[in-house]
Amino acid sequence: MNKPQKVFNERKRNGLYFIIAGILIFIIGVIIQLTLKDLPFRPQLIGGLGIFLAGWGIAQWVQSAAYLKDQTAGQRALNEWQDERLNMLRAKAGERSYWIMSILAVMLLFWQSFAGSDILPRLSEDSLWNALAAVVILPFIIYIINFLSAERNN
């Protein structure tokens, strides 16, 4: 077995593990939701995590199966994943995204702290959820923009 086949067989097996774990976590989430009431958190989050893991596993499994079927595309993908220049660009874009996420999270924490002292207005529950979503989504967008612009310029 050559290196690409070995790598993609391992990724396919890991995808299967994620699918199984996702299904189990989803089932646990549904059981918790149906049996336990008045929890301090939303039990739908557990089911959502299960769906996410199963989806991630399906994507890994399908992608690896396709690369195992087409050896040329698999070798090309493996070469791209191991390309030092692309890895450097990804790391640089990831670092910038991390700093943006950190700044947004600290700003949100300071806002909540000052709001607790009545220096700033309190955020409503919807505003807080929107701000938390922005802390997750904006760094992802910045990562994509940084990576694409760095790739185009190099």
C-alpha atoms as a PDB file:
ATOM      1  CA  MET A   1       0.000   0.000   0.000  1.00  0.00           C
ATOM      2  CA  ASN A   2       1.480   3.357  -1.014  1.00  0.00           C
ATOM      3  CA  LYS A   3       1.462   6.492   1.113  1.00  0.00           C
ATOM      4  CA  PRO A   4      -1.663   8.193  -0.353  1.00  0.00           C
ATOM      5  CA  GLN A   5      -3.712   5.003   0.047  1.00  0.00           C
ATOM      6  CA  LYS A   6      -2.539   4.652   3.633  1.00  0.00           C
ATOM      7  CA  VAL A   7      -3.375   8.282   4.449  1.00  0.00           C
ATOM      8  CA  PHE A   8      -6.812   8.165   2.843  1.00  0.00           C
ATOM      9  CA  ASN A   9      -7.682   4.800   4.401  1.00  0.00           C
ATOM     10  CA  GLU A  10      -6.840   6.306   7.794  1.00  0.00           C
ATOM     11  CA  ARG A  11      -8.939   9.407   7.073  1.00  0.00           C
ATOM     12  CA  LYS A  12     -11.816   7.203   5.903  1.00  0.00           C
ATOM     13  CA  ARG A  13     -11.603   5.184   9.133  1.00  0.00           C
ATOM     14  CA  ASN A  14     -11.485   8.388  11.209  1.00  0.00           C
ATOM     15  CA  GLY A  15     -14.538   9.644   9.319  1.00  0.00           C
ATOM     16  CA  LEU A  16     -16.373   6.474  10.297  1.00  0.00           C
ATOM     17  CA  TYR A  17     -15.398   7.044  13.945  1.00  0.00           C
ATOM     18  CA  PHE A  18     -16.774  10.603  13.765  1.00  0.00           C
ATOM     19  CA  ILE A  19     -20.016   9.339  12.222  1.00  0.00           C
ATOM     20  CA  ILE A  20     -20.483   6.778  14.995  1.00  0.00           C
ATOM     21  CA  ALA A  21     -19.595   9.288  17.728  1.00  0.00           C
ATOM     22  CA  GLY A  22     -21.945  11.874  16.206  1.00  0.00           C
ATOM     23  CA  ILE A  23     -24.865   9.458  16.077  1.00  0.00           C
ATOM     24  CA  LEU A  24     -24.255   8.363  19.679  1.00  0.00           C
ATOM     25  CA  ILE A  25     -23.997  11.960  20.933  1.00  0.00           C
ATOM     26  CA  PHE A  26     -27.154  12.881  19.017  1.00  0.00           C
ATOM     27  CA  ILE A  27     -29.052   9.976  20.589  1.00  0.00           C
ATOM     28  CA  ILE A  28     -27.785  10.952  24.045  1.00  0.00           C
ATOM     29  CA  GLY A  29     -28.919  14.526  23.393  1.00  0.00           C
ATOM     30  CA  VAL A  30     -32.400  13.376  22.393  1.00  0.00           C
ATOM     31  CA  ILE A  31     -32.664  11.140  25.466  1.00  0.00           C
ATOM     32  CA  ILE A  32     -31.566  13.987  27.738  1.00  0.00           C
ATOM     33  CA  GLN A  33     -34.022  16.341  26.075  1.00  0.00           C
ATOM     34  CA  LEU A  34     -36.925  13.904  26.516  1.00  0.00           C
ATOM     35  CA  THR A  35     -36.158  12.744  30.050  1.00  0.00           C
ATOM     36  CA  LEU A  36     -34.609  15.661  31.937  1.00  0.00           C
ATOM     37  CA  LYS A  37     -36.415  18.954  32.390  1.00  0.00           C
ATOM     38  CA  ASP A  38     -35.298  22.332  33.755  1.00  0.00           C
ATOM     39  CA  LEU A  39     -31.662  21.955  32.779  1.00  0.00           C
ATOM     40  CA  PRO A  40     -29.399  25.011  33.142  1.00  0.00           C
ATOM     41  CA  PHE A  41     -28.491  24.691  29.443  1.00  0.00           C
ATOM     42  CA  ARG A  42     -30.266  23.885  26.218  1.00  0.00           C
ATOM     43  CA  PRO A  43     -30.083  20.125  25.616  1.00  0.00           C
ATOM     44  CA  GLN A  44     -30.490  20.758  21.880  1.00  0.00           C
ATOM     45  CA  LEU A  45     -26.826  21.792  21.914  1.00  0.00           C
ATOM     46  CA  ILE A  46     -25.833  18.183  22.591  1.00  0.00           C
ATOM     47  CA  GLY A  47     -27.888  16.966  19.627  1.00  0.00           C
ATOM     48  CA  GLY A  48     -26.420  19.745  17.501  1.00  0.00           C
ATOM     49  CA  LEU A  49     -22.909  18.652  18.426  1.00  0.00           C
ATOM     50  CA  GLY A  50     -23.822  15.112  17.387  1.00  0.00           C
ATOM     51  CA  ILE A  51     -25.129  16.324  14.026  1.00  0.00           C
ATOM     52  CA  PHE A  52     -21.955  18.373  13.508  1.00  0.00           C
ATOM     53  CA  LEU A  53     -19.681  15.416  14.287  1.00  0.00           C
ATOM     54  CA  ALA A  54     -21.652  13.063  12.054  1.00  0.00           C
ATOM     55  CA  GLY A  55     -21.576  15.609   9.217  1.00  0.00           C
ATOM     56  CA  TRP A  56     -17.827  16.084   9.650  1.00  0.00           C
ATOM     57  CA  GLY A  57     -17.358  12.317   9.552  1.00  0.00           C
ATOM     58  CA  ILE A  58     -19.480  11.944   6.434  1.00  0.00           C
ATOM     59  CA  ALA A  59     -17.455  14.649   4.694  1.00  0.00           C
ATOM     60  CA  GLN A  60     -14.161  12.956   5.639  1.00  0.00           C
ATOM     61  CA  TRP A  61     -15.422   9.535   4.592  1.00  0.00           C
ATOM     62  CA  VAL A  62     -16.812  10.680   1.225  1.00  0.00           C
ATOM     63  CA  GLN A  63     -13.736  12.757   0.398  1.00  0.00           C
ATOM     64  CA  SER A  64     -11.347   9.926   1.269  1.00  0.00           C
ATOM     65  CA  ALA A  65     -13.400   7.382  -0.668  1.00  0.00           C
ATOM     66  CA  ALA A  66     -13.293   9.635  -3.724  1.00  0.00           C
ATOM     67  CA  TYR A  67      -9.524  10.109  -3.431  1.00  0.00           C
ATOM     68  CA  LEU A  68      -9.021   6.353  -3.057  1.00  0.00           C
ATOM     69  CA  LYS A  69     -11.004   5.823  -6.263  1.00  0.00           C
ATOM     70  CA  ASP A  70      -9.043   8.476  -8.215  1.00  0.00           C
ATOM     71  CA  GLN A  71      -5.362   7.982  -7.361  1.00  0.00           C
ATOM     72  CA  THR A  72      -4.190  11.031  -9.325  1.00  0.00           C
ATOM     73  CA  ALA A  73      -6.534  13.411  -7.530  1.00  0.00           C
ATOM     74  CA  GLY A  74      -5.580  11.804  -4.213  1.00  0.00           C
ATOM     75  CA  GLN A  75      -1.874  12.304  -4.841  1.00  0.00           C
ATOM     76  CA  ARG A  76      -2.513  15.905  -5.895  1.00  0.00           C
ATOM     77  CA  ALA A  77      -4.545  16.587  -2.727  1.00  0.00           C
ATOM     78  CA  LEU A  78      -1.874  14.993  -0.530  1.00  0.00           C
ATOM     79  CA  ASN A  79       0.830  17.105  -2.151  1.00  0.00           C
ATOM     80  CA  GLU A  80      -1.244  20.231  -1.596  1.00  0.00           C
ATOM     81  CA  TRP A  81      -1.812  19.393   2.094  1.00  0.00           C
ATOM     82  CA  GLN A  82       1.937  18.937   2.557  1.00  0.00           C
ATOM     83  CA  ASP A  83       2.944  22.061   0.618  1.00  0.00           C
ATOM     84  CA  GLU A  84       5.069  24.198   2.971  1.00  0.00           C
ATOM     85  CA  ARG A  85       4.111  27.488   1.334  1.00  0.00           C
ATOM     86  CA  LEU A  86       0.380  26.817   1.701  1.00  0.00           C
ATOM     87  CA  ASN A  87       0.859  25.645   5.280  1.00  0.00           C
ATOM     88  CA  MET A  88       2.719  28.872   6.055  1.00  0.00           C
ATOM     89  CA  LEU A  89      -0.077  30.943   4.496  1.00  0.00           C
ATOM     90  CA  ARG A  90      -2.698  29.021   6.497  1.00  0.00           C
ATOM     91  CA  ALA A  91      -0.732  29.511   9.711  1.00  0.00           C
ATOM     92  CA  LYS A  92      -0.348  33.247   9.084  1.00  0.00           C
ATOM     93  CA  ALA A  93      -4.057  33.651   8.303  1.00  0.00           C
ATOM     94  CA  GLY A  94      -4.918  31.570  11.365  1.00  0.00           C
ATOM     95  CA  GLU A  95      -2.764  33.733  13.596  1.00  0.00           C
ATOM     96  CA  ARG A  96      -4.479  36.893  12.367  1.00  0.00           C
ATOM     97  CA  SER A  97      -7.873  35.302  12.927  1.00  0.00           C
ATOM     98  CA  TYR A  98      -6.861  34.274  16.433  1.00  0.00           C
ATOM     99  CA  TRP A  99      -5.898  37.838  17.311  1.00  0.00           C
ATOM    100  CA  ILE A 100      -9.167  39.209  15.936  1.00  0.00           C
ATOM    101  CA  MET A 101     -11.122  36.625  17.913  1.00  0.00           C
ATOM    102  CA  SER A 102      -9.171  37.443  21.067  1.00  0.00           C
ATOM    103  CA  ILE A 103      -9.749  41.186  20.678  1.00  0.00           C
ATOM    104  CA  LEU A 104     -13.480  40.699  20.067  1.00  0.00           C
ATOM    105  CA  ALA A 105     -13.820  38.368  23.064  1.00  0.00           C
ATOM    106  CA  VAL A 106     -11.945  40.744  25.370  1.00  0.00           C
ATOM    107  CA  MET A 107     -14.044  43.682  24.156  1.00  0.00           C
ATOM    108  CA  LEU A 108     -17.207  41.690  24.873  1.00  0.00           C
ATOM    109  CA  LEU A 109     -15.943  40.732  28.331  1.00  0.00           C
ATOM    110  CA  PHE A 110     -15.086  44.348  29.133  1.00  0.00           C
ATOM    111  CA  TRP A 111     -18.493  45.469  27.880  1.00  0.00           C
ATOM    112  CA  GLN A 112     -20.233  42.961  30.139  1.00  0.00           C
ATOM    113  CA  SER A 113     -18.027  43.978  33.044  1.00  0.00           C
ATOM    114  CA  PHE A 114     -18.766  47.682  32.605  1.00  0.00           C
ATOM    115  CA  ALA A 115     -22.444  46.915  32.055  1.00  0.00           C
ATOM    116  CA  GLY A 116     -22.472  45.134  35.407  1.00  0.00           C
ATOM    117  CA  SER A 117     -21.249  48.369  36.979  1.00  0.00           C
ATOM    118  CA  ASP A 118     -23.885  50.381  35.066  1.00  0.00           C
ATOM    119  CA  ILE A 119     -21.198  52.292  33.157  1.00  0.00           C
ATOM    120  CA  LEU A 120     -22.373  50.876  29.808  1.00  0.00           C
ATOM    121  CA  PRO A 121     -25.858  49.679  28.860  1.00  0.00           C
ATOM    122  CA  ARG A 122     -26.561  45.982  29.384  1.00  0.00           C
ATOM    123  CA  LEU A 123     -26.744  43.782  26.335  1.00  0.00           C
ATOM    124  CA  SER A 124     -30.042  42.035  25.786  1.00  0.00           C
ATOM    125  CA  GLU A 125     -29.959  38.253  25.451  1.00  0.00           C
ATOM    126  CA  ASP A 126     -30.325  38.514  21.665  1.00  0.00           C
ATOM    127  CA  SER A 127     -27.564  41.116  21.445  1.00  0.00           C
ATOM    128  CA  LEU A 128     -25.277  38.939  23.539  1.00  0.00           C
ATOM    129  CA  TRP A 129     -25.920  35.897  21.322  1.00  0.00           C
ATOM    130  CA  ASN A 130     -25.281  38.027  18.222  1.00  0.00           C
ATOM    131  CA  ALA A 131     -22.022  39.296  19.704  1.00  0.00           C
ATOM    132  CA  LEU A 132     -20.925  35.761  20.570  1.00  0.00           C
ATOM    133  CA  ALA A 133     -21.787  34.621  17.051  1.00  0.00           C
ATOM    134  CA  ALA A 134     -19.705  37.506  15.677  1.00  0.00           C
ATOM    135  CA  VAL A 135     -16.759  36.389  17.843  1.00  0.00           C
ATOM    136  CA  VAL A 136     -16.914  33.027  16.046  1.00  0.00           C
ATOM    137  CA  ILE A 137     -17.921  34.034  12.522  1.00  0.00           C
ATOM    138  CA  LEU A 138     -15.816  37.169  11.926  1.00  0.00           C
ATOM    139  CA  PRO A 139     -12.449  35.456  12.549  1.00  0.00           C
ATOM    140  CA  PHE A 140     -13.464  32.701  10.126  1.00  0.00           C
ATOM    141  CA  ILE A 141     -14.265  35.282   7.441  1.00  0.00           C
ATOM    142  CA  ILE A 142     -11.001  37.107   8.160  1.00  0.00           C
ATOM    143  CA  TYR A 143      -9.118  33.806   7.894  1.00  0.00           C
ATOM    144  CA  ILE A 144     -10.592  33.124   4.461  1.00  0.00           C
ATOM    145  CA  ILE A 145      -9.908  36.660   3.220  1.00  0.00           C
ATOM    146  CA  ASN A 146      -6.321  36.632   4.540  1.00  0.00           C
ATOM    147  CA  PHE A 147      -5.591  33.211   3.088  1.00  0.00           C
ATOM    148  CA  LEU A 148      -7.033  34.022  -0.342  1.00  0.00           C
ATOM    149  CA  SER A 149      -5.291  37.394  -0.580  1.00  0.00           C
ATOM    150  CA  ALA A 150      -1.953  35.939   0.551  1.00  0.00           C
ATOM    151  CA  GLU A 151      -2.301  33.080  -1.928  1.00  0.00           C
ATOM    152  CA  ARG A 152      -3.104  35.502  -4.744  1.00  0.00           C
ATOM    153  CA  ASN A 153      -0.183  37.804  -3.886  1.00  0.00           C
ATOM    154  CA  ASN A 154       2.415  35.014  -3.615  1.00  0.00           C
END
